[in-house]
């Protein structure tokens, strides 16, 4: 059964966030993703300077235009940052030095560089004054997701009113420990009837027992699963890169920046997502298809 993944940072030795990724490497990653059950996906890049992000987008647009397989597999781009929270813990594996407040001018530059193929942008609502950038992106037909953020309820509700419609990998992109009740996870769950909620079902980002609780609140009709895969997916333990900085993969396949407790993407593959959803969350084939194909396509208005 083919799946659609809205957040893939790299795969099988290729880092989509690299400034030096080649067309051959991009093609190879697409082949590996297809072999692992992914029919199509959003190539994802994380926080960097706007100049660097623009260059990465332009490069991927060129490669996609020139390669039928890449064009088939890559339905568009997901830009995660640079409009996220710079606060330690919330910034996660993103370089805090390149984080900046959301603004329409930089958003326009990124849209132009992506040649109309940016389908999803993750930002921090509390870093978007008056939700102006969120409103602009939504009006451009780009799905806006809250991630690496800690907005209060009023700010989150204002962002939703302006067009925010998703939460990026809930339970992650925040400090390892947070206030037991007053935290972004609880706020997002309380508004999940108005949001698509994304999860990484590898057992490390969110323990499966906790995910079962989240799914009872959200409901499968509003749930999206993603790998959030990085270049180390399929390669085993070792030291790899994510956007030019090292990521260490342990014996269990868990990715972290050296010396950090925060996770840095995942190494789970498409067929492993389906396996985990079936074995650890008790989903049947139609439910897996809903959360790992139909829902993300619907959320991005690609169905």
Protein backbone atom coordinates (compact mmCIF):
# COMPACT_ATOMS: atom_id res chain seq x y z
CA UNK A 1 0.00 0.00 0.00
CA UNK A 2 1.58 3.36 -1.02
CA UNK A 3 1.87 6.17 1.53
CA UNK A 4 2.35 9.93 1.48
CA UNK A 5 4.81 11.59 3.89
CA UNK A 6 4.65 15.35 4.47
CA UNK A 7 7.96 15.64 6.33
CA UNK A 8 11.11 14.02 4.94
CA UNK A 9 14.40 15.83 5.63
CA UNK A 10 16.52 13.26 3.86
CA UNK A 11 16.88 9.55 3.27
CA UNK A 12 19.34 6.77 2.61
CA UNK A 13 22.44 8.96 2.87
CA UNK A 14 21.00 12.08 1.21
CA UNK A 15 20.34 15.23 3.23
CA UNK A 16 17.77 17.47 1.55
CA UNK A 17 18.96 20.29 3.83
CA UNK A 18 22.50 20.16 2.44
CA UNK A 19 23.92 23.06 0.45
CA UNK A 20 25.74 20.56 -1.77
CA UNK A 21 23.10 17.91 -2.50
CA UNK A 22 23.42 16.62 -6.06
CA UNK A 23 20.72 15.61 -8.51
CA UNK A 24 22.03 12.04 -8.33
CA UNK A 25 21.70 11.98 -4.54
CA UNK A 26 18.16 13.40 -4.71
CA UNK A 27 17.21 10.73 -7.26
CA UNK A 28 18.74 7.99 -5.12
CA UNK A 29 16.78 9.12 -2.06
CA UNK A 30 13.57 9.04 -4.08
CA UNK A 31 14.33 5.49 -5.20
CA UNK A 32 14.93 4.41 -1.58
CA UNK A 33 11.73 6.08 -0.37
CA UNK A 34 9.71 4.36 -3.09
CA UNK A 35 11.25 1.00 -2.19
CA UNK A 36 10.15 1.54 1.43
CA UNK A 37 6.50 2.19 0.58
CA UNK A 38 6.38 5.97 0.07
CA UNK A 39 4.50 6.91 -3.09
CA UNK A 40 5.20 10.64 -2.75
CA UNK A 41 6.35 13.15 -0.14
CA UNK A 42 7.26 16.72 0.76
CA UNK A 43 11.00 17.34 0.71
CA UNK A 44 11.66 19.21 3.94
CA UNK A 45 14.31 21.78 4.84
CA UNK A 46 14.90 23.23 8.29
CA UNK A 47 16.00 26.59 9.67
CA UNK A 48 18.85 28.35 7.91
CA UNK A 49 19.44 31.86 6.62
CA UNK A 50 16.81 32.99 4.13
CA UNK A 51 19.52 33.16 1.47
CA UNK A 52 20.57 29.57 2.15
CA UNK A 53 16.98 28.30 2.27
CA UNK A 54 16.26 30.04 -1.01
CA UNK A 55 19.28 28.39 -2.60
CA UNK A 56 18.21 24.96 -1.38
CA UNK A 57 14.69 25.44 -2.72
CA UNK A 58 15.94 26.66 -6.09
CA UNK A 59 18.26 23.67 -6.35
CA UNK A 60 15.47 21.18 -5.60
CA UNK A 61 13.13 22.90 -8.06
CA UNK A 62 15.78 22.54 -10.78
CA UNK A 63 16.43 18.87 -9.99
CA UNK A 64 12.70 18.17 -9.92
CA UNK A 65 12.15 19.85 -13.28
CA UNK A 66 14.88 17.72 -14.86
CA UNK A 67 14.10 14.29 -13.38
CA UNK A 68 10.79 12.42 -13.93
CA UNK A 69 11.20 10.26 -10.81
CA UNK A 70 11.88 13.25 -8.56
CA UNK A 71 8.95 15.07 -10.15
CA UNK A 72 6.66 12.10 -9.44
CA UNK A 73 7.85 11.57 -5.88
CA UNK A 74 8.25 15.16 -4.66
CA UNK A 75 4.80 16.73 -4.48
CA UNK A 76 6.29 19.91 -3.05
CA UNK A 77 8.30 21.32 -0.17
CA UNK A 78 7.91 21.71 3.57
CA UNK A 79 9.84 24.62 5.06
CA UNK A 80 10.28 24.08 8.81
CA UNK A 81 11.63 27.38 10.09
CA UNK A 82 13.24 29.87 10.22
CA UNK A 83 10.14 31.47 11.82
CA UNK A 84 10.24 29.30 14.94
CA UNK A 85 10.97 29.88 18.62
CA UNK A 86 14.64 30.56 19.43
CA UNK A 87 14.13 29.42 23.03
CA UNK A 88 16.24 26.44 24.11
CA UNK A 89 14.22 23.25 24.01
CA UNK A 90 11.63 24.67 21.63
CA UNK A 91 14.23 25.36 18.96
CA UNK A 92 15.18 21.66 19.03
CA UNK A 93 17.85 20.65 16.51
CA UNK A 94 17.46 23.89 14.55
CA UNK A 95 20.30 26.45 14.63
CA UNK A 96 19.08 29.21 16.98
CA UNK A 97 21.42 31.71 15.31
CA UNK A 98 19.36 31.58 12.10
CA UNK A 99 15.91 31.82 13.71
CA UNK A 100 14.03 35.02 12.95
CA UNK A 101 10.56 36.45 13.55
CA UNK A 102 7.99 35.60 10.93
CA UNK A 103 7.58 38.30 8.30
CA UNK A 104 5.87 38.54 4.95
CA UNK A 105 8.91 39.78 3.01
CA UNK A 106 11.02 36.72 3.83
CA UNK A 107 8.02 34.46 3.26
CA UNK A 108 7.64 35.92 -0.24
CA UNK A 109 11.32 35.28 -0.97
CA UNK A 110 10.95 31.64 0.02
CA UNK A 111 7.77 31.21 -2.01
CA UNK A 112 9.49 32.65 -5.08
CA UNK A 113 12.50 30.37 -4.60
CA UNK A 114 10.20 27.38 -4.29
CA UNK A 115 8.51 28.27 -7.59
CA UNK A 116 5.04 27.78 -6.12
CA UNK A 117 5.87 24.34 -4.71
CA UNK A 118 5.96 25.17 -0.99
CA UNK A 119 2.96 23.27 0.33
CA UNK A 120 3.63 23.49 4.07
CA UNK A 121 5.40 25.91 6.39
CA UNK A 122 6.04 25.32 10.07
CA UNK A 123 6.31 28.41 12.27
CA UNK A 124 5.84 29.57 15.85
CA UNK A 125 2.60 31.55 16.22
CA UNK A 126 4.07 33.60 19.08
CA UNK A 127 6.82 34.74 16.70
CA UNK A 128 4.33 35.95 14.09
CA UNK A 129 3.11 39.37 15.20
CA UNK A 130 -0.62 39.70 14.67
CA UNK A 131 -0.57 36.40 12.73
CA UNK A 132 0.23 38.49 9.64
CA UNK A 133 2.56 35.94 8.04
CA UNK A 134 0.21 33.08 8.82
CA UNK A 135 -2.64 34.93 7.12
CA UNK A 136 -0.46 35.75 4.10
CA UNK A 137 0.71 32.15 3.69
CA UNK A 138 -2.80 30.74 4.07
CA UNK A 139 -4.10 33.16 1.45
CA UNK A 140 -1.33 31.92 -0.86
CA UNK A 141 -2.69 28.39 -0.49
CA UNK A 142 0.14 27.20 1.75
CA UNK A 143 -0.76 25.07 4.77
CA UNK A 144 0.56 26.66 7.96
CA UNK A 145 1.56 24.48 10.90
CA UNK A 146 2.54 25.34 14.47
CA UNK A 147 5.80 23.75 15.55
CA UNK A 148 8.87 24.41 17.67
CA UNK A 149 6.72 26.86 19.53
CA UNK A 150 4.98 27.76 22.79
CA UNK A 151 2.07 30.08 22.02
CA UNK A 152 -0.49 30.86 24.69
CA UNK A 153 -4.13 29.96 24.07
CA UNK A 154 -5.09 33.43 22.85
CA UNK A 155 -2.17 33.52 20.41
CA UNK A 156 -2.87 30.02 19.16
CA UNK A 157 -6.55 30.75 18.62
CA UNK A 158 -5.70 33.98 16.78
CA UNK A 159 -3.35 32.02 14.51
CA UNK A 160 -6.08 29.47 13.76
CA UNK A 161 -8.48 32.28 12.93
CA UNK A 162 -5.83 33.62 10.52
CA UNK A 163 -5.43 30.27 8.76
CA UNK A 164 -3.18 28.03 10.87
CA UNK A 165 -4.49 24.48 10.38
CA UNK A 166 -1.89 22.00 11.61
CA UNK A 167 0.52 21.10 14.40
CA UNK A 168 3.95 19.73 13.45
CA UNK A 169 5.02 16.53 15.32
CA UNK A 170 3.03 17.11 18.52
CA UNK A 171 4.92 16.18 21.67
CA UNK A 172 8.23 17.22 20.12
CA UNK A 173 9.87 20.52 19.29
CA UNK A 174 9.57 21.41 22.96
CA UNK A 175 11.70 20.91 26.09
CA UNK A 176 12.09 17.39 27.41
CA UNK A 177 10.23 18.49 30.57
CA UNK A 178 7.36 21.01 30.62
CA UNK A 179 4.66 22.17 33.02
CA UNK A 180 2.36 19.20 33.60
CA UNK A 181 -0.83 21.05 32.53
CA UNK A 182 0.03 24.49 31.15
CA UNK A 183 1.92 23.53 28.00
CA UNK A 184 1.61 23.63 24.22
CA UNK A 185 0.68 19.95 23.95
CA UNK A 186 -2.41 20.45 26.10
CA UNK A 187 -3.36 23.68 24.30
CA UNK A 188 -3.10 22.00 20.89
CA UNK A 189 -5.10 18.99 22.03
CA UNK A 190 -7.84 21.26 23.36
CA UNK A 191 -8.17 22.78 19.88
CA UNK A 192 -7.67 19.58 17.89
CA UNK A 193 -11.16 19.81 16.40
CA UNK A 194 -9.78 22.76 14.41
CA UNK A 195 -6.31 21.39 13.66
CA UNK A 196 -4.60 18.53 11.88
CA UNK A 197 -2.29 16.92 14.45
CA UNK A 198 0.93 15.25 13.24
CA UNK A 199 2.82 12.51 15.07
CA UNK A 200 6.07 10.58 14.52
CA UNK A 201 5.22 6.94 15.35
CA UNK A 202 8.69 5.58 16.06
CA UNK A 203 8.18 4.98 19.78
CA UNK A 204 10.96 7.43 20.66
CA UNK A 205 9.37 10.77 19.81
CA UNK A 206 6.15 9.85 21.61
CA UNK A 207 5.82 6.59 23.61
CA UNK A 208 3.05 4.51 22.11
CA UNK A 209 1.04 4.44 25.34
CA UNK A 210 0.99 8.25 25.32
CA UNK A 211 0.12 8.36 21.63
CA UNK A 212 -2.88 6.14 22.31
CA UNK A 213 -4.11 8.78 24.76
CA UNK A 214 -3.54 11.57 22.24
CA UNK A 215 -5.38 9.68 19.51
CA UNK A 216 -8.41 9.23 21.76
CA UNK A 217 -8.62 13.03 22.04
CA UNK A 218 -7.75 13.93 18.44
CA UNK A 219 -9.52 11.10 16.61
CA UNK A 220 -8.09 9.42 13.53
CA UNK A 221 -10.03 11.78 11.26
CA UNK A 222 -7.73 14.65 12.37
CA UNK A 223 -4.50 12.62 12.74
CA UNK A 224 -1.48 12.61 10.42
CA UNK A 225 1.55 10.34 10.69
CA UNK A 226 4.98 11.25 9.35
CA UNK A 227 8.49 9.85 9.50
CA UNK A 228 10.36 13.17 9.90
CA UNK A 229 13.15 11.07 8.39
CA UNK A 230 16.70 12.34 8.05
CA UNK A 231 19.58 11.15 5.85
CA UNK A 232 20.40 8.37 8.33
CA UNK A 233 17.12 6.54 7.62
CA UNK A 234 18.02 3.03 6.59
CA UNK A 235 21.72 3.33 7.43
CA UNK A 236 22.10 2.19 11.06
CA UNK A 237 24.03 3.69 14.00
CA UNK A 238 26.70 6.31 13.39
CA UNK A 239 27.28 10.03 12.94
CA UNK A 240 25.53 11.76 10.05
CA UNK A 241 24.43 15.29 9.14
CA UNK A 242 21.27 17.36 9.25
CA UNK A 243 21.61 20.74 7.56
CA UNK A 244 25.39 20.71 7.87
CA UNK A 245 25.58 19.83 11.58
CA UNK A 246 26.26 16.40 13.09
CA UNK A 247 23.55 14.02 14.27
CA UNK A 248 24.37 10.90 16.24
CA UNK A 249 22.24 7.78 15.72
CA UNK A 250 22.29 5.32 18.62
CA UNK A 251 21.81 1.55 18.56
CA UNK A 252 18.04 2.00 18.70
CA UNK A 253 17.96 4.33 15.69
CA UNK A 254 17.28 7.43 17.78
CA UNK A 255 18.77 10.67 16.41
CA UNK A 256 20.14 13.48 18.58
CA UNK A 257 22.55 16.37 18.22
CA UNK A 258 25.76 15.48 20.10
CA UNK A 259 25.32 16.19 23.82
CA UNK A 260 21.63 17.10 23.53
CA UNK A 261 18.58 15.38 24.98
CA UNK A 262 16.36 16.74 22.21
CA UNK A 263 15.68 14.51 19.23
CA UNK A 264 16.82 15.50 15.75
CA UNK A 265 14.43 13.96 13.26
CA UNK A 266 14.02 10.20 12.98
CA UNK A 267 15.35 7.20 11.09
CA UNK A 268 12.03 5.37 10.74
CA UNK A 269 11.04 4.29 7.22
CA UNK A 270 7.66 4.15 5.52
CA UNK A 271 7.01 0.44 5.88
CA UNK A 272 8.11 0.66 9.53
CA UNK A 273 5.51 3.35 10.19
CA UNK A 274 2.82 1.02 8.86
CA UNK A 275 4.18 -1.84 10.96
CA UNK A 276 4.18 0.24 14.15
CA UNK A 277 0.69 1.60 13.56
CA UNK A 278 -0.55 -1.95 13.13
CA UNK A 279 1.36 -3.65 15.94
CA UNK A 280 1.64 -0.90 18.57
CA UNK A 281 -1.49 1.15 17.95
CA UNK A 282 -3.82 -1.56 16.65
CA UNK A 283 -4.72 0.13 13.38
CA UNK A 284 -6.09 -1.77 10.39
CA UNK A 285 -5.10 -1.14 6.78
CA UNK A 286 -7.85 1.40 6.11
CA UNK A 287 -6.94 3.37 9.24
CA UNK A 288 -3.27 3.34 8.31
CA UNK A 289 -4.17 4.59 4.84
CA UNK A 290 -6.24 7.37 6.42
CA UNK A 291 -3.50 8.77 8.67
CA UNK A 292 -0.50 8.10 6.42
CA UNK A 293 -1.93 9.04 3.03
CA UNK A 294 -5.46 10.41 2.81
CA UNK A 295 -5.35 12.88 5.71
CA UNK A 296 -2.02 14.54 4.87
CA UNK A 297 -3.04 14.91 1.23
CA UNK A 298 -6.35 16.44 2.32
CA UNK A 299 -4.66 18.77 4.79
CA UNK A 300 -2.38 20.06 2.03
CA UNK A 301 -5.24 20.27 -0.48
CA UNK A 302 -3.44 17.77 -2.72
CA UNK A 303 -6.13 15.08 -2.78
